[in-house]
Amino acid sequence: MLGFIHERLAQTVILFAFALGAWAAWNFFRKQGVSASYWGALVIGEGLMLGQGVLGLALVLSGARPADLLHFLYGALVALGLPGVYVYSHGRTTRTENALYALVAFSIFGLALRAVTTGR
């Protein structure tokens, strides 16, 4: 059951990361900064990613192992991506940060897809 929830939450993270990337790219091309609504979405997305990590840790502690150990690296990169942009940009909200969040969110999308393939 825990594995099923972990898999479904992975799909949620993938879709949410794509949505975050598209939203940030849209705002960048509209020459807008990071909005309060987008900050809220970033917090929700990070919560999803951290929840995914907690479930993964629970699976490992219960004896389950991913097919490839790279799965752990991908999971760590996914969880650290958004906070990394925040630290790098010092929390600024200019148009440039939208470009960074779009780039990182699309990278998280790809890393999460790859994590799914290494977790089976």
PDB file of N, CA and C in Angstrom:
ATOM      1  N   MET A   1       0.810  -1.194   0.000  1.00  0.00           N
ATOM      2  CA  MET A   1       0.000   0.000   0.000  1.00  0.00           C
ATOM      3  C   MET A   1       0.859   1.265   0.000  1.00  0.00           C
ATOM      4  N   LEU A   2       1.924   1.257   0.799  1.00  0.00           N
ATOM      5  CA  LEU A   2       2.824   2.401   0.864  1.00  0.00           C
ATOM      6  C   LEU A   2       3.506   2.634  -0.487  1.00  0.00           C
ATOM      7  N   GLY A   3       3.855   1.537  -1.151  1.00  0.00           N
ATOM      8  CA  GLY A   3       4.456   1.646  -2.480  1.00  0.00           C
ATOM      9  C   GLY A   3       3.500   2.254  -3.491  1.00  0.00           C
ATOM     10  N   PHE A   4       2.231   1.897  -3.405  1.00  0.00           N
ATOM     11  CA  PHE A   4       1.221   2.447  -4.303  1.00  0.00           C
ATOM     12  C   PHE A   4       1.094   3.958  -4.101  1.00  0.00           C
ATOM     13  N   ILE A   5       1.050   4.387  -2.844  1.00  0.00           N
ATOM     14  CA  ILE A   5       0.942   5.823  -2.550  1.00  0.00           C
ATOM     15  C   ILE A   5       2.191   6.556  -3.042  1.00  0.00           C
ATOM     16  N   HIS A   6       3.359   5.948  -2.849  1.00  0.00           N
ATOM     17  CA  HIS A   6       4.616   6.538  -3.316  1.00  0.00           C
ATOM     18  C   HIS A   6       4.592   6.714  -4.837  1.00  0.00           C
ATOM     19  N   GLU A   7       4.100   5.725  -5.545  1.00  0.00           N
ATOM     20  CA  GLU A   7       4.003   5.818  -7.013  1.00  0.00           C
ATOM     21  C   GLU A   7       3.021   6.899  -7.439  1.00  0.00           C
ATOM     22  N   ARG A   8       1.871   6.983  -6.804  1.00  0.00           N
ATOM     23  CA  ARG A   8       0.860   7.982  -7.172  1.00  0.00           C
ATOM     24  C   ARG A   8       1.338   9.394  -6.843  1.00  0.00           C
ATOM     25  N   LEU A   9       2.016   9.541  -5.708  1.00  0.00           N
ATOM     26  CA  LEU A   9       2.546  10.851  -5.360  1.00  0.00           C
ATOM     27  C   LEU A   9       3.651  11.260  -6.333  1.00  0.00           C
ATOM     28  N   ALA A  10       4.396  10.284  -6.849  1.00  0.00           N
ATOM     29  CA  ALA A  10       5.410  10.587  -7.871  1.00  0.00           C
ATOM     30  C   ALA A  10       4.755  11.178  -9.112  1.00  0.00           C
ATOM     31  N   GLN A  11       3.626  10.617  -9.518  1.00  0.00           N
ATOM     32  CA  GLN A  11       2.910  11.165 -10.678  1.00  0.00           C
ATOM     33  C   GLN A  11       2.432  12.592 -10.395  1.00  0.00           C
ATOM     34  N   THR A  12       1.995  12.840  -9.175  1.00  0.00           N
ATOM     35  CA  THR A  12       1.559  14.177  -8.784  1.00  0.00           C
ATOM     36  C   THR A  12       2.719  15.160  -8.840  1.00  0.00           C
ATOM     37  N   VAL A  13       3.880  14.752  -8.337  1.00  0.00           N
ATOM     38  CA  VAL A  13       5.069  15.606  -8.375  1.00  0.00           C
ATOM     39  C   VAL A  13       5.445  15.925  -9.820  1.00  0.00           C
ATOM     40  N   ILE A  14       5.398  14.937 -10.685  1.00  0.00           N
ATOM     41  CA  ILE A  14       5.744  15.143 -12.094  1.00  0.00           C
ATOM     42  C   ILE A  14       4.816  16.174 -12.726  1.00  0.00           C
ATOM     43  N   LEU A  15       3.528  15.991 -12.554  1.00  0.00           N
ATOM     44  CA  LEU A  15       2.561  16.922 -13.149  1.00  0.00           C
ATOM     45  C   LEU A  15       2.659  18.308 -12.527  1.00  0.00           C
ATOM     46  N   PHE A  16       2.854  18.372 -11.218  1.00  0.00           N
ATOM     47  CA  PHE A  16       2.934  19.658 -10.537  1.00  0.00           C
ATOM     48  C   PHE A  16       4.196  20.408 -10.951  1.00  0.00           C
ATOM     49  N   ALA A  17       5.308  19.697 -11.108  1.00  0.00           N
ATOM     50  CA  ALA A  17       6.552  20.340 -11.541  1.00  0.00           C
ATOM     51  C   ALA A  17       6.391  20.920 -12.949  1.00  0.00           C
ATOM     52  N   PHE A  18       5.728  20.188 -13.820  1.00  0.00           N
ATOM     53  CA  PHE A  18       5.497  20.711 -15.168  1.00  0.00           C
ATOM     54  C   PHE A  18       4.626  21.964 -15.108  1.00  0.00           C
ATOM     55  N   ALA A  19       3.587  21.926 -14.287  1.00  0.00           N
ATOM     56  CA  ALA A  19       2.700  23.089 -14.148  1.00  0.00           C
ATOM     57  C   ALA A  19       3.460  24.289 -13.586  1.00  0.00           C
ATOM     58  N   LEU A  20       4.336  24.069 -12.605  1.00  0.00           N
ATOM     59  CA  LEU A  20       5.143  25.157 -12.057  1.00  0.00           C
ATOM     60  C   LEU A  20       6.059  25.754 -13.116  1.00  0.00           C
ATOM     61  N   GLY A  21       6.656  24.892 -13.922  1.00  0.00           N
ATOM     62  CA  GLY A  21       7.535  25.375 -14.984  1.00  0.00           C
ATOM     63  C   GLY A  21       6.784  26.177 -16.030  1.00  0.00           C
ATOM     64  N   ALA A  22       5.627  25.676 -16.437  1.00  0.00           N
ATOM     65  CA  ALA A  22       4.828  26.378 -17.442  1.00  0.00           C
ATOM     66  C   ALA A  22       4.346  27.722 -16.911  1.00  0.00           C
ATOM     67  N   TRP A  23       3.916  27.749 -15.667  1.00  0.00           N
ATOM     68  CA  TRP A  23       3.436  28.988 -15.054  1.00  0.00           C
ATOM     69  C   TRP A  23       4.557  30.035 -14.981  1.00  0.00           C
ATOM     70  N   ALA A  24       5.741  29.618 -14.515  1.00  0.00           N
ATOM     71  CA  ALA A  24       6.863  30.547 -14.411  1.00  0.00           C
ATOM     72  C   ALA A  24       7.302  31.035 -15.796  1.00  0.00           C
ATOM     73  N   ALA A  25       7.325  30.136 -16.770  1.00  0.00           N
ATOM     74  CA  ALA A  25       7.700  30.539 -18.132  1.00  0.00           C
ATOM     75  C   ALA A  25       6.686  31.530 -18.697  1.00  0.00           C
ATOM     76  N   TRP A  26       5.421  31.274 -18.456  1.00  0.00           N
ATOM     77  CA  TRP A  26       4.352  32.176 -18.911  1.00  0.00           C
ATOM     78  C   TRP A  26       4.535  33.566 -18.308  1.00  0.00           C
ATOM     79  N   ASN A  27       4.793  33.612 -17.004  1.00  0.00           N
ATOM     80  CA  ASN A  27       5.001  34.905 -16.353  1.00  0.00           C
ATOM     81  C   ASN A  27       6.275  35.588 -16.843  1.00  0.00           C
ATOM     82  N   PHE A  28       7.315  34.813 -17.120  1.00  0.00           N
ATOM     83  CA  PHE A  28       8.548  35.387 -17.641  1.00  0.00           C
ATOM     84  C   PHE A  28       8.292  36.055 -18.994  1.00  0.00           C
ATOM     85  N   PHE A  29       7.609  35.353 -19.884  1.00  0.00           N
ATOM     86  CA  PHE A  29       7.350  35.918 -21.209  1.00  0.00           C
ATOM     87  C   PHE A  29       6.370  37.093 -21.153  1.00  0.00           C
ATOM     88  N   ARG A  30       5.586  37.177 -20.098  1.00  0.00           N
ATOM     89  CA  ARG A  30       4.691  38.322 -19.897  1.00  0.00           C
ATOM     90  C   ARG A  30       5.392  39.451 -19.156  1.00  0.00           C
ATOM     91  N   LYS A  31       6.716  39.263 -18.902  1.00  0.00           N
ATOM     92  CA  LYS A  31       7.550  40.263 -18.235  1.00  0.00           C
ATOM     93  C   LYS A  31       7.059  40.585 -16.815  1.00  0.00           C
ATOM     94  N   GLN A  32       6.677  39.555 -16.088  1.00  0.00           N
ATOM     95  CA  GLN A  32       6.202  39.712 -14.715  1.00  0.00           C
ATOM     96  C   GLN A  32       7.171  39.054 -13.741  1.00  0.00           C
ATOM     97  N   GLY A  33       7.124  39.523 -12.513  1.00  0.00           N
ATOM     98  CA  GLY A  33       7.920  38.924 -11.458  1.00  0.00           C
ATOM     99  C   GLY A  33       7.177  37.754 -10.824  1.00  0.00           C
ATOM    100  N   VAL A  34       7.799  37.185  -9.810  1.00  0.00           N
ATOM    101  CA  VAL A  34       7.201  36.068  -9.081  1.00  0.00           C
ATOM    102  C   VAL A  34       6.072  36.617  -8.211  1.00  0.00           C
ATOM    103  N   SER A  35       4.873  36.079  -8.380  1.00  0.00           N
ATOM    104  CA  SER A  35       3.697  36.564  -7.652  1.00  0.00           C
ATOM    105  C   SER A  35       3.515  35.802  -6.337  1.00  0.00           C
ATOM    106  N   ALA A  36       2.660  36.356  -5.486  1.00  0.00           N
ATOM    107  CA  ALA A  36       2.341  35.692  -4.220  1.00  0.00           C
ATOM    108  C   ALA A  36       1.678  34.336  -4.468  1.00  0.00           C
ATOM    109  N   SER A  37       0.859  34.249  -5.498  1.00  0.00           N
ATOM    110  CA  SER A  37       0.208  32.982  -5.838  1.00  0.00           C
ATOM    111  C   SER A  37       1.241  31.932  -6.231  1.00  0.00           C
ATOM    112  N   TYR A  38       2.246  32.366  -6.975  1.00  0.00           N
ATOM    113  CA  TYR A  38       3.288  31.429  -7.391  1.00  0.00           C
ATOM    114  C   TYR A  38       4.106  30.970  -6.184  1.00  0.00           C
ATOM    115  N   TRP A  39       4.383  31.887  -5.248  1.00  0.00           N
ATOM    116  CA  TRP A  39       5.087  31.487  -4.019  1.00  0.00           C
ATOM    117  C   TRP A  39       4.316  30.386  -3.306  1.00  0.00           C
ATOM    118  N   GLY A  40       2.992  30.553  -3.228  1.00  0.00           N
ATOM    119  CA  GLY A  40       2.168  29.525  -2.593  1.00  0.00           C
ATOM    120  C   GLY A  40       2.264  28.194  -3.307  1.00  0.00           C
ATOM    121  N   ALA A  41       2.250  28.238  -4.633  1.00  0.00           N
ATOM    122  CA  ALA A  41       2.373  27.004  -5.420  1.00  0.00           C
ATOM    123  C   ALA A  41       3.744  26.362  -5.205  1.00  0.00           C
ATOM    124  N   LEU A  42       4.788  27.188  -5.077  1.00  0.00           N
ATOM    125  CA  LEU A  42       6.122  26.639  -4.817  1.00  0.00           C
ATOM    126  C   LEU A  42       6.164  25.912  -3.470  1.00  0.00           C
ATOM    127  N   VAL A  43       5.521  26.484  -2.475  1.00  0.00           N
ATOM    128  CA  VAL A  43       5.486  25.859  -1.146  1.00  0.00           C
ATOM    129  C   VAL A  43       4.728  24.529  -1.216  1.00  0.00           C
ATOM    130  N   ILE A  44       3.603  24.519  -1.915  1.00  0.00           N
ATOM    131  CA  ILE A  44       2.843  23.277  -2.076  1.00  0.00           C
ATOM    132  C   ILE A  44       3.675  22.233  -2.811  1.00  0.00           C
ATOM    133  N   GLY A  45       4.341  22.653  -3.886  1.00  0.00           N
ATOM    134  CA  GLY A  45       5.180  21.725  -4.649  1.00  0.00           C
ATOM    135  C   GLY A  45       6.304  21.147  -3.813  1.00  0.00           C
ATOM    136  N   GLU A  46       6.960  22.001  -3.032  1.00  0.00           N
ATOM    137  CA  GLU A  46       8.039  21.507  -2.171  1.00  0.00           C
ATOM    138  C   GLU A  46       7.489  20.550  -1.117  1.00  0.00           C
ATOM    139  N   GLY A  47       6.301  20.843  -0.604  1.00  0.00           N
ATOM    140  CA  GLY A  47       5.673  19.935   0.347  1.00  0.00           C
ATOM    141  C   GLY A  47       5.396  18.571  -0.266  1.00  0.00           C
ATOM    142  N   LEU A  48       4.936  18.575  -1.502  1.00  0.00           N
ATOM    143  CA  LEU A  48       4.716  17.304  -2.210  1.00  0.00           C
ATOM    144  C   LEU A  48       6.017  16.525  -2.348  1.00  0.00           C
ATOM    145  N   MET A  49       7.083  17.234  -2.709  1.00  0.00           N
ATOM    146  CA  MET A  49       8.375  16.568  -2.919  1.00  0.00           C
ATOM    147  C   MET A  49       8.945  16.030  -1.614  1.00  0.00           C
ATOM    148  N   LEU A  50       8.791  16.786  -0.549  1.00  0.00           N
ATOM    149  CA  LEU A  50       9.276  16.309   0.749  1.00  0.00           C
ATOM    150  C   LEU A  50       8.432  15.137   1.248  1.00  0.00           C
ATOM    151  N   GLY A  51       7.129  15.207   1.022  1.00  0.00           N
ATOM    152  CA  GLY A  51       6.259  14.083   1.375  1.00  0.00           C
ATOM    153  C   GLY A  51       6.638  12.824   0.619  1.00  0.00           C
ATOM    154  N   GLN A  52       6.995  12.995  -0.639  1.00  0.00           N
ATOM    155  CA  GLN A  52       7.450  11.872  -1.461  1.00  0.00           C
ATOM    156  C   GLN A  52       8.717  11.264  -0.868  1.00  0.00           C
ATOM    157  N   GLY A  53       9.609  12.131  -0.407  1.00  0.00           N
ATOM    158  CA  GLY A  53      10.843  11.648   0.215  1.00  0.00           C
ATOM    159  C   GLY A  53      10.592  10.900   1.508  1.00  0.00           C
ATOM    160  N   VAL A  54       9.670  11.397   2.308  1.00  0.00           N
ATOM    161  CA  VAL A  54       9.335  10.726   3.573  1.00  0.00           C
ATOM    162  C   VAL A  54       8.738   9.344   3.296  1.00  0.00           C
ATOM    163  N   LEU A  55       7.853   9.273   2.310  1.00  0.00           N
ATOM    164  CA  LEU A  55       7.292   7.963   1.951  1.00  0.00           C
ATOM    165  C   LEU A  55       8.371   7.019   1.431  1.00  0.00           C
ATOM    166  N   GLY A  56       9.290   7.555   0.643  1.00  0.00           N
ATOM    167  CA  GLY A  56      10.394   6.738   0.144  1.00  0.00           C
ATOM    168  C   GLY A  56      11.269   6.218   1.270  1.00  0.00           C
ATOM    169  N   LEU A  57      11.544   7.086   2.238  1.00  0.00           N
ATOM    170  CA  LEU A  57      12.330   6.664   3.400  1.00  0.00           C
ATOM    171  C   LEU A  57      11.601   5.577   4.184  1.00  0.00           C
ATOM    172  N   ALA A  58      10.288   5.725   4.334  1.00  0.00           N
ATOM    173  CA  ALA A  58       9.499   4.694   5.026  1.00  0.00           C
ATOM    174  C   ALA A  58       9.563   3.370   4.275  1.00  0.00           C
ATOM    175  N   LEU A  59       9.544   3.430   2.945  1.00  0.00           N
ATOM    176  CA  LEU A  59       9.664   2.204   2.151  1.00  0.00           C
ATOM    177  C   LEU A  59      11.020   1.535   2.361  1.00  0.00           C
ATOM    178  N   VAL A  60      12.082   2.339   2.364  1.00  0.00           N
ATOM    179  CA  VAL A  60      13.423   1.784   2.574  1.00  0.00           C
ATOM    180  C   VAL A  60      13.518   1.149   3.963  1.00  0.00           C
ATOM    181  N   LEU A  61      12.971   1.842   4.965  1.00  0.00           N
ATOM    182  CA  LEU A  61      13.017   1.296   6.324  1.00  0.00           C
ATOM    183  C   LEU A  61      12.194   0.023   6.461  1.00  0.00           C
ATOM    184  N   SER A  62      11.191  -0.147   5.591  1.00  0.00           N
ATOM    185  CA  SER A  62      10.389  -1.377   5.635  1.00  0.00           C
ATOM    186  C   SER A  62      11.020  -2.499   4.810  1.00  0.00           C
ATOM    187  N   GLY A  63      12.157  -2.215   4.198  1.00  0.00           N
ATOM    188  CA  GLY A  63      12.879  -3.259   3.470  1.00  0.00           C
ATOM    189  C   GLY A  63      12.807  -3.177   1.963  1.00  0.00           C
ATOM    190  N   ALA A  64      12.034  -2.273   1.421  1.00  0.00           N
ATOM    191  CA  ALA A  64      11.951  -2.126  -0.038  1.00  0.00           C
ATOM    192  C   ALA A  64      13.168  -1.369  -0.553  1.00  0.00           C
ATOM    193  N   ARG A  65      13.612  -1.711  -1.735  1.00  0.00           N
ATOM    194  CA  ARG A  65      14.754  -1.042  -2.363  1.00  0.00           C
ATOM    195  C   ARG A  65      14.406  -0.719  -3.812  1.00  0.00           C
ATOM    196  N   PRO A  66      14.884   0.431  -4.315  1.00  0.00           N
ATOM    197  CA  PRO A  66      14.658   0.742  -5.735  1.00  0.00           C
ATOM    198  C   PRO A  66      15.527  -0.153  -6.611  1.00  0.00           C
ATOM    199  N   ALA A  67      15.150  -0.243  -7.884  1.00  0.00           N
ATOM    200  CA  ALA A  67      15.902  -1.082  -8.822  1.00  0.00           C
ATOM    201  C   ALA A  67      17.306  -0.544  -9.047  1.00  0.00           C
ATOM    202  N   ASP A  68      17.474   0.765  -8.971  1.00  0.00           N
ATOM    203  CA  ASP A  68      18.764   1.405  -9.223  1.00  0.00           C
ATOM    204  C   ASP A  68      19.014   2.411  -8.103  1.00  0.00           C
ATOM    205  N   LEU A  69      20.217   2.421  -7.560  1.00  0.00           N
ATOM    206  CA  LEU A  69      20.530   3.340  -6.473  1.00  0.00           C
ATOM    207  C   LEU A  69      20.543   4.806  -6.916  1.00  0.00           C
ATOM    208  N   LEU A  70      20.595   5.068  -8.213  1.00  0.00           N
ATOM    209  CA  LEU A  70      20.475   6.441  -8.703  1.00  0.00           C
ATOM    210  C   LEU A  70      19.138   7.067  -8.317  1.00  0.00           C
ATOM    211  N   HIS A  71      18.170   6.235  -8.005  1.00  0.00           N
ATOM    212  CA  HIS A  71      16.861   6.701  -7.576  1.00  0.00           C
ATOM    213  C   HIS A  71      16.994   7.667  -6.388  1.00  0.00           C
ATOM    214  N   PHE A  72      17.903   7.376  -5.464  1.00  0.00           N
ATOM    215  CA  PHE A  72      18.111   8.233  -4.301  1.00  0.00           C
ATOM    216  C   PHE A  72      18.689   9.585  -4.701  1.00  0.00           C
ATOM    217  N   LEU A  73      19.621   9.587  -5.648  1.00  0.00           N
ATOM    218  CA  LEU A  73      20.201  10.840  -6.137  1.00  0.00           C
ATOM    219  C   LEU A  73      19.137  11.703  -6.809  1.00  0.00           C
ATOM    220  N   TYR A  74      18.337  11.092  -7.668  1.00  0.00           N
ATOM    221  CA  TYR A  74      17.273  11.844  -8.345  1.00  0.00           C
ATOM    222  C   TYR A  74      16.295  12.424  -7.325  1.00  0.00           C
ATOM    223  N   GLY A  75      15.942  11.632  -6.330  1.00  0.00           N
ATOM    224  CA  GLY A  75      15.023  12.113  -5.299  1.00  0.00           C
ATOM    225  C   GLY A  75      15.596  13.294  -4.534  1.00  0.00           C
ATOM    226  N   ALA A  76      16.867  13.232  -4.200  1.00  0.00           N
ATOM    227  CA  ALA A  76      17.504  14.344  -3.476  1.00  0.00           C
ATOM    228  C   ALA A  76      17.553  15.599  -4.336  1.00  0.00           C
ATOM    229  N   LEU A  77      17.881  15.453  -5.607  1.00  0.00           N
ATOM    230  CA  LEU A  77      17.927  16.611  -6.507  1.00  0.00           C
ATOM    231  C   LEU A  77      16.552  17.240  -6.693  1.00  0.00           C
ATOM    232  N   VAL A  78      15.536  16.401  -6.783  1.00  0.00           N
ATOM    233  CA  VAL A  78      14.162  16.906  -6.912  1.00  0.00           C
ATOM    234  C   VAL A  78      13.798  17.739  -5.681  1.00  0.00           C
ATOM    235  N   ALA A  79      14.110  17.234  -4.500  1.00  0.00           N
ATOM    236  CA  ALA A  79      13.734  17.923  -3.264  1.00  0.00           C
ATOM    237  C   ALA A  79      14.542  19.204  -3.037  1.00  0.00           C
ATOM    238  N   LEU A  80      15.759  19.265  -3.533  1.00  0.00           N
ATOM    239  CA  LEU A  80      16.616  20.424  -3.281  1.00  0.00           C
ATOM    240  C   LEU A  80      16.534  21.499  -4.358  1.00  0.00           C
ATOM    241  N   GLY A  81      15.869  21.221  -5.470  1.00  0.00           N
ATOM    242  CA  GLY A  81      15.840  22.157  -6.596  1.00  0.00           C
ATOM    243  C   GLY A  81      15.219  23.510  -6.273  1.00  0.00           C
ATOM    244  N   LEU A  82      13.996  23.521  -5.797  1.00  0.00           N
ATOM    245  CA  LEU A  82      13.298  24.784  -5.528  1.00  0.00           C
ATOM    246  C   LEU A  82      13.944  25.580  -4.392  1.00  0.00           C
ATOM    247  N   PRO A  83      14.300  24.940  -3.268  1.00  0.00           N
ATOM    248  CA  PRO A  83      15.001  25.711  -2.234  1.00  0.00           C
ATOM    249  C   PRO A  83      16.349  26.247  -2.732  1.00  0.00           C
ATOM    250  N   GLY A  84      16.979  25.510  -3.630  1.00  0.00           N
ATOM    251  CA  GLY A  84      18.248  25.972  -4.196  1.00  0.00           C
ATOM    252  C   GLY A  84      18.087  27.267  -4.972  1.00  0.00           C
ATOM    253  N   VAL A  85      17.024  27.382  -5.746  1.00  0.00           N
ATOM    254  CA  VAL A  85      16.764  28.626  -6.480  1.00  0.00           C
ATOM    255  C   VAL A  85      16.490  29.761  -5.505  1.00  0.00           C
ATOM    256  N   TYR A  86      15.721  29.483  -4.476  1.00  0.00           N
ATOM    257  CA  TYR A  86      15.402  30.514  -3.491  1.00  0.00           C
ATOM    258  C   TYR A  86      16.673  31.045  -2.828  1.00  0.00           C
ATOM    259  N   VAL A  87      17.553  30.137  -2.422  1.00  0.00           N
ATOM    260  CA  VAL A  87      18.806  30.547  -1.779  1.00  0.00           C
ATOM    261  C   VAL A  87      19.683  31.303  -2.775  1.00  0.00           C
ATOM    262  N   TYR A  88      19.803  30.779  -3.989  1.00  0.00           N
ATOM    263  CA  TYR A  88      20.637  31.420  -5.009  1.00  0.00           C
ATOM    264  C   TYR A  88      20.154  32.828  -5.331  1.00  0.00           C
ATOM    265  N   SER A  89      18.839  33.010  -5.403  1.00  0.00           N
ATOM    266  CA  SER A  89      18.277  34.310  -5.789  1.00  0.00           C
ATOM    267  C   SER A  89      18.022  35.222  -4.593  1.00  0.00           C
ATOM    268  N   HIS A  90      18.305  34.752  -3.387  1.00  0.00           N
ATOM    269  CA  HIS A  90      18.068  35.514  -2.160  1.00  0.00           C
ATOM    270  C   HIS A  90      16.601  35.926  -2.019  1.00  0.00           C
ATOM    271  N   GLY A  91      15.693  35.116  -2.549  1.00  0.00           N
ATOM    272  CA  GLY A  91      14.261  35.362  -2.411  1.00  0.00           C
ATOM    273  C   GLY A  91      13.725  36.516  -3.239  1.00  0.00           C
ATOM    274  N   ARG A  92      14.497  36.978  -4.211  1.00  0.00           N
ATOM    275  CA  ARG A  92      14.017  38.087  -5.056  1.00  0.00           C
ATOM    276  C   ARG A  92      12.827  37.629  -5.895  1.00  0.00           C
ATOM    277  N   THR A  93      12.073  38.591  -6.399  1.00  0.00           N
ATOM    278  CA  THR A  93      10.848  38.276  -7.138  1.00  0.00           C
ATOM    279  C   THR A  93      10.814  38.966  -8.497  1.00  0.00           C
ATOM    280  N   THR A  94      11.952  39.140  -9.129  1.00  0.00           N
ATOM    281  CA  THR A  94      11.988  39.805 -10.430  1.00  0.00           C
ATOM    282  C   THR A  94      11.680  38.816 -11.551  1.00  0.00           C
ATOM    283  N   ARG A  95      11.631  39.330 -12.739  1.00  0.00           N
ATOM    284  CA  ARG A  95      11.371  38.512 -13.925  1.00  0.00           C
ATOM    285  C   ARG A  95      12.429  37.416 -14.081  1.00  0.00           C
ATOM    286  N   THR A  96      13.664  37.745 -13.748  1.00  0.00           N
ATOM    287  CA  THR A  96      14.764  36.780 -13.878  1.00  0.00           C
ATOM    288  C   THR A  96      14.518  35.539 -13.033  1.00  0.00           C
ATOM    289  N   GLU A  97      13.980  35.739 -11.843  1.00  0.00           N
ATOM    290  CA  GLU A  97      13.695  34.583 -10.972  1.00  0.00           C
ATOM    291  C   GLU A  97      12.629  33.683 -11.587  1.00  0.00           C
ATOM    292  N   ASN A  98      11.692  34.266 -12.316  1.00  0.00           N
ATOM    293  CA  ASN A  98      10.713  33.422 -13.014  1.00  0.00           C
ATOM    294  C   ASN A  98      11.410  32.510 -14.011  1.00  0.00           C
ATOM    295  N   ALA A  99      12.402  33.039 -14.709  1.00  0.00           N
ATOM    296  CA  ALA A  99      13.152  32.204 -15.654  1.00  0.00           C
ATOM    297  C   ALA A  99      13.879  31.082 -14.914  1.00  0.00           C
ATOM    298  N   LEU A 100      14.467  31.400 -13.760  1.00  0.00           N
ATOM    299  CA  LEU A 100      15.169  30.377 -12.981  1.00  0.00           C
ATOM    300  C   LEU A 100      14.215  29.311 -12.473  1.00  0.00           C
ATOM    301  N   TYR A 101      13.065  29.748 -11.944  1.00  0.00           N
ATOM    302  CA  TYR A 101      12.090  28.775 -11.440  1.00  0.00           C
ATOM    303  C   TYR A 101      11.546  27.912 -12.575  1.00  0.00           C
ATOM    304  N   ALA A 102      11.346  28.498 -13.740  1.00  0.00           N
ATOM    305  CA  ALA A 102      10.872  27.708 -14.881  1.00  0.00           C
ATOM    306  C   ALA A 102      11.911  26.651 -15.254  1.00  0.00           C
ATOM    307  N   LEU A 103      13.170  27.068 -15.355  1.00  0.00           N
ATOM    308  CA  LEU A 103      14.238  26.134 -15.718  1.00  0.00           C
ATOM    309  C   LEU A 103      14.356  25.001 -14.698  1.00  0.00           C
ATOM    310  N   VAL A 104      14.333  25.351 -13.429  1.00  0.00           N
ATOM    311  CA  VAL A 104      14.478  24.332 -12.384  1.00  0.00           C
ATOM    312  C   VAL A 104      13.236  23.449 -12.303  1.00  0.00           C
ATOM    313  N   ALA A 105      12.053  24.022 -12.450  1.00  0.00           N
ATOM    314  CA  ALA A 105      10.827  23.209 -12.388  1.00  0.00           C
ATOM    315  C   ALA A 105      10.786  22.201 -13.533  1.00  0.00           C
ATOM    316  N   PHE A 106      11.189  22.632 -14.740  1.00  0.00           N
ATOM    317  CA  PHE A 106      11.237  21.684 -15.852  1.00  0.00           C
ATOM    318  C   PHE A 106      12.334  20.637 -15.637  1.00  0.00           C
ATOM    319  N   SER A 107      13.423  21.028 -14.976  1.00  0.00           N
ATOM    320  CA  SER A 107      14.468  20.051 -14.639  1.00  0.00           C
ATOM    321  C   SER A 107      13.947  19.038 -13.621  1.00  0.00           C
ATOM    322  N   ILE A 108      13.189  19.520 -12.635  1.00  0.00           N
ATOM    323  CA  ILE A 108      12.581  18.629 -11.646  1.00  0.00           C
ATOM    324  C   ILE A 108      11.619  17.671 -12.344  1.00  0.00           C
ATOM    325  N   PHE A 109      10.864  18.185 -13.308  1.00  0.00           N
ATOM    326  CA  PHE A 109       9.967  17.344 -14.100  1.00  0.00           C
ATOM    327  C   PHE A 109      10.747  16.189 -14.728  1.00  0.00           C
ATOM    328  N   GLY A 110      11.865  16.496 -15.380  1.00  0.00           N
ATOM    329  CA  GLY A 110      12.672  15.455 -16.003  1.00  0.00           C
ATOM    330  C   GLY A 110      13.310  14.515 -15.003  1.00  0.00           C
ATOM    331  N   LEU A 111      13.824  15.070 -13.912  1.00  0.00           N
ATOM    332  CA  LEU A 111      14.443  14.218 -12.884  1.00  0.00           C
ATOM    333  C   LEU A 111      13.426  13.289 -12.238  1.00  0.00           C
ATOM    334  N   ALA A 112      12.218  13.812 -12.012  1.00  0.00           N
ATOM    335  CA  ALA A 112      11.170  12.975 -11.408  1.00  0.00           C
ATOM    336  C   ALA A 112      10.760  11.853 -12.363  1.00  0.00           C
ATOM    337  N   LEU A 113      10.687  12.159 -13.653  1.00  0.00           N
ATOM    338  CA  LEU A 113      10.396  11.104 -14.637  1.00  0.00           C
ATOM    339  C   LEU A 113      11.473  10.033 -14.591  1.00  0.00           C
ATOM    340  N   ARG A 114      12.727  10.482 -14.529  1.00  0.00           N
ATOM    341  CA  ARG A 114      13.834   9.532 -14.481  1.00  0.00           C
ATOM    342  C   ARG A 114      13.819   8.740 -13.173  1.00  0.00           C
ATOM    343  N   ALA A 115      13.440   9.390 -12.078  1.00  0.00           N
ATOM    344  CA  ALA A 115      13.376   8.694 -10.787  1.00  0.00           C
ATOM    345  C   ALA A 115      12.348   7.577 -10.839  1.00  0.00           C
ATOM    346  N   VAL A 116      11.240   7.805 -11.527  1.00  0.00           N
ATOM    347  CA  VAL A 116      10.208   6.753 -11.661  1.00  0.00           C
ATOM    348  C   VAL A 116      10.796   5.537 -12.376  1.00  0.00           C
ATOM    349  N   THR A 117      11.578   5.773 -13.408  1.00  0.00           N
ATOM    350  CA  THR A 117      12.128   4.644 -14.176  1.00  0.00           C
ATOM    351  C   THR A 117      13.183   3.873 -13.369  1.00  0.00           C
ATOM    352  N   THR A 118      13.890   4.552 -12.461  1.00  0.00           N
ATOM    353  CA  THR A 118      14.909   3.858 -11.671  1.00  0.00           C
ATOM    354  C   THR A 118      14.331   3.245 -10.404  1.00  0.00           C
ATOM    355  N   GLY A 119      13.121   3.621 -10.039  1.00  0.00           N
ATOM    356  CA  GLY A 119      12.526   3.100  -8.808  1.00  0.00           C
ATOM    357  C   GLY A 119      11.854   1.764  -8.959  1.00  0.00           C
ATOM    358  N   ARG A 120      11.570   1.383 -10.172  1.00  0.00           N
ATOM    359  CA  ARG A 120      10.827   0.120 -10.383  1.00  0.00           C
ATOM    360  C   ARG A 120      11.719  -1.079 -10.310  1.00  0.00           C
TER     361      ARG A 120
END
